[in-house]
């Protein structure tokens, strides 16, 4: 007799807010938050699909929240110091 465990699909969501701009899943393709006990600062990088006319001014506050739908946890708060733009050819 073989018994299989039930697998439940959880829809992971993310919201990234840059000042007045807000991006949500599915436009957020990926993000990484890096923390270290040896430094007080944390860093993040994100891949977000945005219109080519979007402007990300440096100095804006940023908030990253992620988790299951309806229960997002704040993972990162900080300030944008620089933005790198790479075109997507999808």
Protein backbone atom coordinates (compact mmCIF):
# COMPACT_ATOMS: atom_id res chain seq x y z
CA UNK A 1 0.00 0.00 0.00
CA UNK A 2 1.42 3.40 -1.04
CA UNK A 3 0.31 6.62 0.63
CA UNK A 4 1.08 10.02 -0.85
CA UNK A 5 1.10 13.30 1.01
CA UNK A 6 -1.21 16.03 -0.18
CA UNK A 7 0.58 18.98 -1.72
CA UNK A 8 -1.07 22.37 -1.35
CA UNK A 9 -0.21 25.13 -3.79
CA UNK A 10 0.54 28.42 -2.00
CA UNK A 11 0.53 31.53 -4.15
CA UNK A 12 3.57 33.54 -3.11
CA UNK A 13 3.13 37.26 -3.57
CA UNK A 14 5.46 40.25 -3.39
CA UNK A 15 4.94 44.01 -3.31
CA UNK A 16 7.77 46.51 -3.80
CA UNK A 17 7.03 50.17 -3.12
CA UNK A 18 9.41 52.94 -4.29
CA UNK A 19 8.03 56.20 -2.87
CA UNK A 20 4.75 56.56 -4.77
CA UNK A 21 5.41 53.68 -7.23
CA UNK A 22 4.08 50.23 -6.33
CA UNK A 23 4.87 46.98 -8.16
CA UNK A 24 3.28 43.61 -7.44
CA UNK A 25 3.50 40.01 -8.57
CA UNK A 26 3.57 39.11 -11.53
CA UNK A 27 5.57 42.24 -12.54
CA UNK A 28 8.18 41.38 -9.89
CA UNK A 29 10.25 38.65 -11.51
CA UNK A 30 12.70 38.17 -8.61
CA UNK A 31 14.26 39.92 -5.65
CA UNK A 32 17.05 39.26 -3.16
CA UNK A 33 17.60 40.81 0.26
CA UNK A 34 21.10 40.40 1.73
CA UNK A 35 21.85 40.95 5.42
CA UNK A 36 25.01 40.41 7.39
CA UNK A 37 25.67 40.36 11.11
CA UNK A 38 28.95 42.18 10.56
CA UNK A 39 27.33 45.28 9.01
CA UNK A 40 24.33 47.35 10.00
CA UNK A 41 23.17 47.80 6.40
CA UNK A 42 21.20 45.41 4.23
CA UNK A 43 21.06 45.47 0.43
CA UNK A 44 18.54 44.33 -2.13
CA UNK A 45 18.33 43.71 -5.84
CA UNK A 46 15.18 43.17 -7.84
CA UNK A 47 14.10 42.35 -11.35
CA UNK A 48 10.85 44.14 -12.15
CA UNK A 49 9.07 44.44 -15.47
CA UNK A 50 8.12 48.10 -15.90
CA UNK A 51 7.19 50.42 -18.76
CA UNK A 52 10.19 52.13 -20.37
CA UNK A 53 8.89 55.54 -19.24
CA UNK A 54 9.10 54.68 -15.51
CA UNK A 55 11.45 56.93 -13.51
CA UNK A 56 13.07 55.69 -10.28
CA UNK A 57 14.47 58.75 -8.51
CA UNK A 58 17.35 58.04 -6.13
CA UNK A 59 16.69 58.90 -2.50
CA UNK A 60 13.15 57.46 -2.43
CA UNK A 61 12.11 55.14 0.38
CA UNK A 62 11.58 51.48 -0.52
CA UNK A 63 9.56 48.75 1.18
CA UNK A 64 9.61 45.07 0.15
CA UNK A 65 6.86 42.76 1.42
CA UNK A 66 6.40 39.11 0.50
CA UNK A 67 4.57 35.99 1.62
CA UNK A 68 1.39 34.09 0.93
CA UNK A 69 -1.56 36.05 -0.35
CA UNK A 70 -3.28 37.83 2.54
CA UNK A 71 -0.28 37.43 4.90
CA UNK A 72 2.60 39.54 3.58
CA UNK A 73 5.60 40.16 5.83
CA UNK A 74 7.80 43.25 5.61
CA UNK A 75 11.26 41.99 4.60
CA UNK A 76 13.12 45.19 3.83
CA UNK A 77 12.86 48.94 4.32
CA UNK A 78 15.45 51.39 3.13
CA UNK A 79 16.35 54.07 0.65
CA UNK A 80 17.16 53.78 -3.06
CA UNK A 81 20.76 54.86 -3.67
CA UNK A 82 21.04 53.79 -7.31
CA UNK A 83 19.17 52.10 -10.12
CA UNK A 84 20.52 49.98 -12.97
CA UNK A 85 18.28 49.52 -15.99
CA UNK A 86 18.64 46.53 -18.32
CA UNK A 87 16.28 45.99 -21.27
CA UNK A 88 14.32 42.78 -21.56
CA UNK A 89 13.91 41.20 -24.98
CA UNK A 90 11.09 38.78 -24.18
